[in-house]
């Protein structure tokens, strides 16, 4: 059985491992692209279009062209 500090270290190690995966790094890159897309499209629309609309619009326009 782990004590609290050992469990915390295990969780931190797991969190760090996840953050170092290719999948996690790709998701971080995609999130940044969607946020930028959200800003551009919100500026064009004259109001905040929201994360969901921006994400769907980005996926339709750019999702298939993104590198795996």
PDB file of N, CA and C in Angstrom:
ATOM      1  N   UNK A   1       0.843  -1.182   0.000  1.00  0.00           N
ATOM      2  CA  UNK A   1       0.000   0.000   0.000  1.00  0.00           C
ATOM      3  C   UNK A   1       0.885   1.242   0.000  1.00  0.00           C
ATOM      4  N   UNK A   2       0.518   2.235  -0.799  1.00  0.00           N
ATOM      5  CA  UNK A   2       1.285   3.472  -0.898  1.00  0.00           C
ATOM      6  C   UNK A   2       0.823   4.469   0.149  1.00  0.00           C
ATOM      7  N   UNK A   3       1.795   5.224   0.675  1.00  0.00           N
ATOM      8  CA  UNK A   3       1.383   6.334   1.522  1.00  0.00           C
ATOM      9  C   UNK A   3       1.084   7.535   0.626  1.00  0.00           C
ATOM     10  N   UNK A   4       0.594   8.619   1.202  1.00  0.00           N
ATOM     11  CA  UNK A   4       0.164   9.768   0.402  1.00  0.00           C
ATOM     12  C   UNK A   4       1.292  10.369  -0.423  1.00  0.00           C
ATOM     13  N   UNK A   5       2.498  10.504   0.151  1.00  0.00           N
ATOM     14  CA  UNK A   5       3.598  11.113  -0.597  1.00  0.00           C
ATOM     15  C   UNK A   5       4.060  10.203  -1.727  1.00  0.00           C
ATOM     16  N   UNK A   6       4.052   8.907  -1.508  1.00  0.00           N
ATOM     17  CA  UNK A   6       4.424   7.959  -2.553  1.00  0.00           C
ATOM     18  C   UNK A   6       3.394   7.974  -3.681  1.00  0.00           C
ATOM     19  N   UNK A   7       2.136   8.022  -3.325  1.00  0.00           N
ATOM     20  CA  UNK A   7       1.074   8.083  -4.338  1.00  0.00           C
ATOM     21  C   UNK A   7       1.178   9.376  -5.131  1.00  0.00           C
ATOM     22  N   UNK A   8       1.515  10.465  -4.456  1.00  0.00           N
ATOM     23  CA  UNK A   8       1.687  11.750  -5.140  1.00  0.00           C
ATOM     24  C   UNK A   8       2.836  11.711  -6.127  1.00  0.00           C
ATOM     25  N   UNK A   9       3.951  11.076  -5.729  1.00  0.00           N
ATOM     26  CA  UNK A   9       5.094  10.941  -6.635  1.00  0.00           C
ATOM     27  C   UNK A   9       4.728  10.070  -7.827  1.00  0.00           C
ATOM     28  N   UNK A  10       4.001   8.986  -7.570  1.00  0.00           N
ATOM     29  CA  UNK A  10       3.562   8.112  -8.661  1.00  0.00           C
ATOM     30  C   UNK A  10       2.683   8.880  -9.643  1.00  0.00           C
ATOM     31  N   UNK A  11       1.773   9.687  -9.121  1.00  0.00           N
ATOM     32  CA  UNK A  11       0.879  10.469  -9.981  1.00  0.00           C
ATOM     33  C   UNK A  11       1.673  11.497 -10.779  1.00  0.00           C
ATOM     34  N   UNK A  12       2.632  12.165 -10.132  1.00  0.00           N
ATOM     35  CA  UNK A  12       3.458  13.148 -10.837  1.00  0.00           C
ATOM     36  C   UNK A  12       4.272  12.488 -11.942  1.00  0.00           C
ATOM     37  N   UNK A  13       4.806  11.306 -11.670  1.00  0.00           N
ATOM     38  CA  UNK A  13       5.565  10.577 -12.686  1.00  0.00           C
ATOM     39  C   UNK A  13       4.663  10.200 -13.856  1.00  0.00           C
ATOM     40  N   UNK A  14       3.449   9.762 -13.565  1.00  0.00           N
ATOM     41  CA  UNK A  14       2.501   9.406 -14.622  1.00  0.00           C
ATOM     42  C   UNK A  14       2.111  10.649 -15.423  1.00  0.00           C
ATOM     43  N   UNK A  15       1.843  11.758 -14.729  1.00  0.00           N
ATOM     44  CA  UNK A  15       1.499  13.003 -15.420  1.00  0.00           C
ATOM     45  C   UNK A  15       2.624  13.421 -16.358  1.00  0.00           C
ATOM     46  N   UNK A  16       3.860  13.336 -15.883  1.00  0.00           N
ATOM     47  CA  UNK A  16       5.009  13.716 -16.708  1.00  0.00           C
ATOM     48  C   UNK A  16       5.143  12.781 -17.898  1.00  0.00           C
ATOM     49  N   UNK A  17       4.930  11.495 -17.686  1.00  0.00           N
ATOM     50  CA  UNK A  17       5.007  10.533 -18.786  1.00  0.00           C
ATOM     51  C   UNK A  17       3.978  10.874 -19.858  1.00  0.00           C
ATOM     52  N   UNK A  18       2.748  11.153 -19.427  1.00  0.00           N
ATOM     53  CA  UNK A  18       1.682  11.483 -20.377  1.00  0.00           C
ATOM     54  C   UNK A  18       2.055  12.728 -21.165  1.00  0.00           C
ATOM     55  N   UNK A  19       2.560  13.749 -20.486  1.00  0.00           N
ATOM     56  CA  UNK A  19       2.914  15.008 -21.154  1.00  0.00           C
ATOM     57  C   UNK A  19       4.045  14.833 -22.154  1.00  0.00           C
ATOM     58  N   UNK A  20       4.824  13.790 -22.020  1.00  0.00           N
ATOM     59  CA  UNK A  20       5.926  13.538 -22.947  1.00  0.00           C
ATOM     60  C   UNK A  20       5.532  12.661 -24.128  1.00  0.00           C
ATOM     61  N   UNK A  21       4.291  12.222 -24.187  1.00  0.00           N
ATOM     62  CA  UNK A  21       3.880  11.377 -25.309  1.00  0.00           C
ATOM     63  C   UNK A  21       3.627  12.224 -26.553  1.00  0.00           C
ATOM     64  N   UNK A  22       3.798  11.607 -27.684  1.00  0.00           N
ATOM     65  CA  UNK A  22       3.559  12.282 -28.959  1.00  0.00           C
ATOM     66  C   UNK A  22       2.098  12.722 -29.075  1.00  0.00           C
ATOM     67  N   UNK A  23       1.195  11.869 -28.633  1.00  0.00           N
ATOM     68  CA  UNK A  23      -0.233  12.183 -28.702  1.00  0.00           C
ATOM     69  C   UNK A  23      -0.554  13.449 -27.909  1.00  0.00           C
ATOM     70  N   UNK A  24      -0.021  13.554 -26.702  1.00  0.00           N
ATOM     71  CA  UNK A  24      -0.276  14.727 -25.870  1.00  0.00           C
ATOM     72  C   UNK A  24       0.296  15.981 -26.524  1.00  0.00           C
ATOM     73  N   UNK A  25       1.511  15.900 -27.057  1.00  0.00           N
ATOM     74  CA  UNK A  25       2.125  17.068 -27.714  1.00  0.00           C
ATOM     75  C   UNK A  25       1.321  17.481 -28.938  1.00  0.00           C
ATOM     76  N   UNK A  26       0.830  16.510 -29.709  1.00  0.00           N
ATOM     77  CA  UNK A  26      -0.001  16.839 -30.871  1.00  0.00           C
ATOM     78  C   UNK A  26      -1.284  17.526 -30.438  1.00  0.00           C
ATOM     79  N   UNK A  27      -1.921  17.029 -29.378  1.00  0.00           N
ATOM     80  CA  UNK A  27      -3.143  17.644 -28.883  1.00  0.00           C
ATOM     81  C   UNK A  27      -2.874  19.074 -28.436  1.00  0.00           C
ATOM     82  N   UNK A  28      -1.749  19.313 -27.757  1.00  0.00           N
ATOM     83  CA  UNK A  28      -1.397  20.669 -27.332  1.00  0.00           C
ATOM     84  C   UNK A  28      -1.235  21.581 -28.548  1.00  0.00           C
ATOM     85  N   UNK A  29      -0.597  21.090 -29.604  1.00  0.00           N
ATOM     86  CA  UNK A  29      -0.432  21.877 -30.831  1.00  0.00           C
ATOM     87  C   UNK A  29      -1.779  22.186 -31.465  1.00  0.00           C
ATOM     88  N   UNK A  30      -2.648  21.193 -31.532  1.00  0.00           N
ATOM     89  CA  UNK A  30      -3.975  21.385 -32.123  1.00  0.00           C
ATOM     90  C   UNK A  30      -4.780  22.389 -31.313  1.00  0.00           C
ATOM     91  N   UNK A  31      -4.724  22.297 -29.989  1.00  0.00           N
ATOM     92  CA  UNK A  31      -5.456  23.258 -29.148  1.00  0.00           C
ATOM     93  C   UNK A  31      -5.002  24.679 -29.438  1.00  0.00           C
ATOM     94  N   UNK A  32      -3.688  24.879 -29.601  1.00  0.00           N
ATOM     95  CA  UNK A  32      -3.184  26.221 -29.895  1.00  0.00           C
ATOM     96  C   UNK A  32      -3.679  26.699 -31.260  1.00  0.00           C
ATOM     97  N   UNK A  33      -3.695  25.819 -32.243  1.00  0.00           N
ATOM     98  CA  UNK A  33      -4.197  26.185 -33.567  1.00  0.00           C
ATOM     99  C   UNK A  33      -5.676  26.544 -33.506  1.00  0.00           C
ATOM    100  N   UNK A  34      -6.449  25.790 -32.743  1.00  0.00           N
ATOM    101  CA  UNK A  34      -7.882  26.074 -32.609  1.00  0.00           C
ATOM    102  C   UNK A  34      -8.095  27.404 -31.902  1.00  0.00           C
ATOM    103  N   UNK A  35      -7.315  27.686 -30.871  1.00  0.00           N
ATOM    104  CA  UNK A  35      -7.443  28.976 -30.178  1.00  0.00           C
ATOM    105  C   UNK A  35      -7.132  30.138 -31.114  1.00  0.00           C
ATOM    106  N   UNK A  36      -6.109  29.992 -31.944  1.00  0.00           N
ATOM    107  CA  UNK A  36      -5.785  31.034 -32.919  1.00  0.00           C
ATOM    108  C   UNK A  36      -6.913  31.170 -33.939  1.00  0.00           C
ATOM    109  N   UNK A  37      -7.428  30.049 -34.407  1.00  0.00           N
ATOM    110  CA  UNK A  37      -8.549  30.049 -35.349  1.00  0.00           C
ATOM    111  C   UNK A  37      -9.769  30.723 -34.719  1.00  0.00           C
ATOM    112  N   UNK A  38     -10.022  30.422 -33.457  1.00  0.00           N
ATOM    113  CA  UNK A  38     -11.135  31.035 -32.718  1.00  0.00           C
ATOM    114  C   UNK A  38     -10.976  32.542 -32.683  1.00  0.00           C
ATOM    115  N   UNK A  39      -9.763  33.011 -32.446  1.00  0.00           N
ATOM    116  CA  UNK A  39      -9.519  34.454 -32.400  1.00  0.00           C
ATOM    117  C   UNK A  39      -9.789  35.089 -33.769  1.00  0.00           C
ATOM    118  N   UNK A  40      -9.226  34.505 -34.833  1.00  0.00           N
ATOM    119  CA  UNK A  40      -9.439  35.051 -36.179  1.00  0.00           C
ATOM    120  C   UNK A  40     -10.925  35.080 -36.542  1.00  0.00           C
ATOM    121  N   UNK A  41     -11.594  33.961 -36.347  1.00  0.00           N
ATOM    122  CA  UNK A  41     -13.009  33.878 -36.728  1.00  0.00           C
ATOM    123  C   UNK A  41     -13.883  34.774 -35.852  1.00  0.00           C
ATOM    124  N   UNK A  42     -13.533  34.913 -34.590  1.00  0.00           N
ATOM    125  CA  UNK A  42     -14.284  35.812 -33.706  1.00  0.00           C
ATOM    126  C   UNK A  42     -14.106  37.258 -34.148  1.00  0.00           C
ATOM    127  N   UNK A  43     -12.894  37.617 -34.554  1.00  0.00           N
ATOM    128  CA  UNK A  43     -12.648  38.974 -35.063  1.00  0.00           C
ATOM    129  C   UNK A  43     -13.486  39.224 -36.315  1.00  0.00           C
ATOM    130  N   UNK A  44     -13.515  38.253 -37.222  1.00  0.00           N
ATOM    131  CA  UNK A  44     -14.319  38.406 -38.446  1.00  0.00           C
ATOM    132  C   UNK A  44     -15.800  38.524 -38.127  1.00  0.00           C
ATOM    133  N   UNK A  45     -16.276  37.757 -37.154  1.00  0.00           N
ATOM    134  CA  UNK A  45     -17.699  37.747 -36.805  1.00  0.00           C
ATOM    135  C   UNK A  45     -18.090  38.944 -35.942  1.00  0.00           C
ATOM    136  N   UNK A  46     -17.122  39.573 -35.306  1.00  0.00           N
ATOM    137  CA  UNK A  46     -17.420  40.703 -34.442  1.00  0.00           C
ATOM    138  C   UNK A  46     -17.863  40.300 -33.044  1.00  0.00           C
ATOM    139  N   UNK A  47     -17.743  39.021 -32.723  1.00  0.00           N
ATOM    140  CA  UNK A  47     -18.079  38.521 -31.386  1.00  0.00           C
ATOM    141  C   UNK A  47     -17.385  37.183 -31.178  1.00  0.00           C
ATOM    142  N   UNK A  48     -17.319  36.762 -29.930  1.00  0.00           N
ATOM    143  CA  UNK A  48     -16.686  35.487 -29.591  1.00  0.00           C
ATOM    144  C   UNK A  48     -17.540  34.342 -30.133  1.00  0.00           C
ATOM    145  N   UNK A  49     -16.942  33.516 -30.982  1.00  0.00           N
ATOM    146  CA  UNK A  49     -17.711  32.411 -31.567  1.00  0.00           C
ATOM    147  C   UNK A  49     -17.733  31.181 -30.664  1.00  0.00           C
ATOM    148  N   UNK A  50     -16.895  31.155 -29.645  1.00  0.00           N
ATOM    149  CA  UNK A  50     -16.882  30.035 -28.708  1.00  0.00           C
ATOM    150  C   UNK A  50     -15.948  28.914 -29.144  1.00  0.00           C
ATOM    151  N   UNK A  51     -15.492  28.157 -28.137  1.00  0.00           N
ATOM    152  CA  UNK A  51     -14.550  27.067 -28.381  1.00  0.00           C
ATOM    153  C   UNK A  51     -15.140  25.983 -29.274  1.00  0.00           C
ATOM    154  N   UNK A  52     -16.374  25.561 -28.999  1.00  0.00           N
ATOM    155  CA  UNK A  52     -16.963  24.441 -29.734  1.00  0.00           C
ATOM    156  C   UNK A  52     -17.089  24.755 -31.219  1.00  0.00           C
ATOM    157  N   UNK A  53     -17.617  25.927 -31.532  1.00  0.00           N
ATOM    158  CA  UNK A  53     -17.773  26.308 -32.942  1.00  0.00           C
ATOM    159  C   UNK A  53     -16.411  26.425 -33.615  1.00  0.00           C
ATOM    160  N   UNK A  54     -15.462  27.039 -32.916  1.00  0.00           N
ATOM    161  CA  UNK A  54     -14.120  27.185 -33.480  1.00  0.00           C
ATOM    162  C   UNK A  54     -13.474  25.825 -33.713  1.00  0.00           C
ATOM    163  N   UNK A  55     -13.633  24.912 -32.768  1.00  0.00           N
ATOM    164  CA  UNK A  55     -13.028  23.586 -32.895  1.00  0.00           C
ATOM    165  C   UNK A  55     -13.621  22.821 -34.073  1.00  0.00           C
ATOM    166  N   UNK A  56     -14.930  22.840 -34.189  1.00  0.00           N
ATOM    167  CA  UNK A  56     -15.583  22.134 -35.297  1.00  0.00           C
ATOM    168  C   UNK A  56     -15.184  22.764 -36.628  1.00  0.00           C
ATOM    169  N   UNK A  57     -15.198  24.085 -36.698  1.00  0.00           N
ATOM    170  CA  UNK A  57     -14.830  24.776 -37.930  1.00  0.00           C
ATOM    171  C   UNK A  57     -13.380  24.475 -38.304  1.00  0.00           C
ATOM    172  N   UNK A  58     -12.493  24.481 -37.311  1.00  0.00           N
ATOM    173  CA  UNK A  58     -11.089  24.170 -37.575  1.00  0.00           C
ATOM    174  C   UNK A  58     -10.941  22.745 -38.093  1.00  0.00           C
ATOM    175  N   UNK A  59     -11.671  21.799 -37.473  1.00  0.00           N
ATOM    176  CA  UNK A  59     -11.580  20.397 -37.902  1.00  0.00           C
ATOM    177  C   UNK A  59     -12.065  20.231 -39.338  1.00  0.00           C
ATOM    178  N   UNK A  60     -13.139  20.922 -39.684  1.00  0.00           N
ATOM    179  CA  UNK A  60     -13.663  20.836 -41.047  1.00  0.00           C
ATOM    180  C   UNK A  60     -12.662  21.414 -42.039  1.00  0.00           C
ATOM    181  N   UNK A  61     -12.092  22.565 -41.707  1.00  0.00           N
ATOM    182  CA  UNK A  61     -11.184  23.247 -42.631  1.00  0.00           C
ATOM    183  C   UNK A  61      -9.775  22.673 -42.656  1.00  0.00           C
ATOM    184  N   UNK A  62      -9.265  22.256 -41.506  1.00  0.00           N
ATOM    185  CA  UNK A  62      -7.850  21.908 -41.409  1.00  0.00           C
ATOM    186  C   UNK A  62      -7.568  20.527 -40.839  1.00  0.00           C
ATOM    187  N   UNK A  63      -8.527  19.888 -40.244  1.00  0.00           N
ATOM    188  CA  UNK A  63      -8.292  18.637 -39.530  1.00  0.00           C
ATOM    189  C   UNK A  63      -7.695  17.525 -40.363  1.00  0.00           C
ATOM    190  N   UNK A  64      -8.132  17.372 -41.556  1.00  0.00           N
ATOM    191  CA  UNK A  64      -7.620  16.289 -42.408  1.00  0.00           C
ATOM    192  C   UNK A  64      -6.215  16.585 -42.914  1.00  0.00           C
ATOM    193  N   UNK A  65      -5.866  17.862 -42.924  1.00  0.00           N
ATOM    194  CA  UNK A  65      -4.541  18.240 -43.415  1.00  0.00           C
ATOM    195  C   UNK A  65      -3.483  18.215 -42.326  1.00  0.00           C
ATOM    196  N   UNK A  66      -3.909  18.024 -41.082  1.00  0.00           N
ATOM    197  CA  UNK A  66      -2.925  18.014 -40.004  1.00  0.00           C
ATOM    198  C   UNK A  66      -2.151  16.709 -40.030  1.00  0.00           C
ATOM    199  N   UNK A  67      -0.902  16.790 -39.603  1.00  0.00           N
ATOM    200  CA  UNK A  67      -0.020  15.624 -39.639  1.00  0.00           C
ATOM    201  C   UNK A  67      -0.348  14.677 -38.495  1.00  0.00           C
ATOM    202  N   UNK A  68      -0.365  13.375 -38.777  1.00  0.00           N
ATOM    203  CA  UNK A  68      -0.627  12.389 -37.712  1.00  0.00           C
ATOM    204  C   UNK A  68       0.544  12.269 -36.760  1.00  0.00           C
TER     205      UNK A  68
END
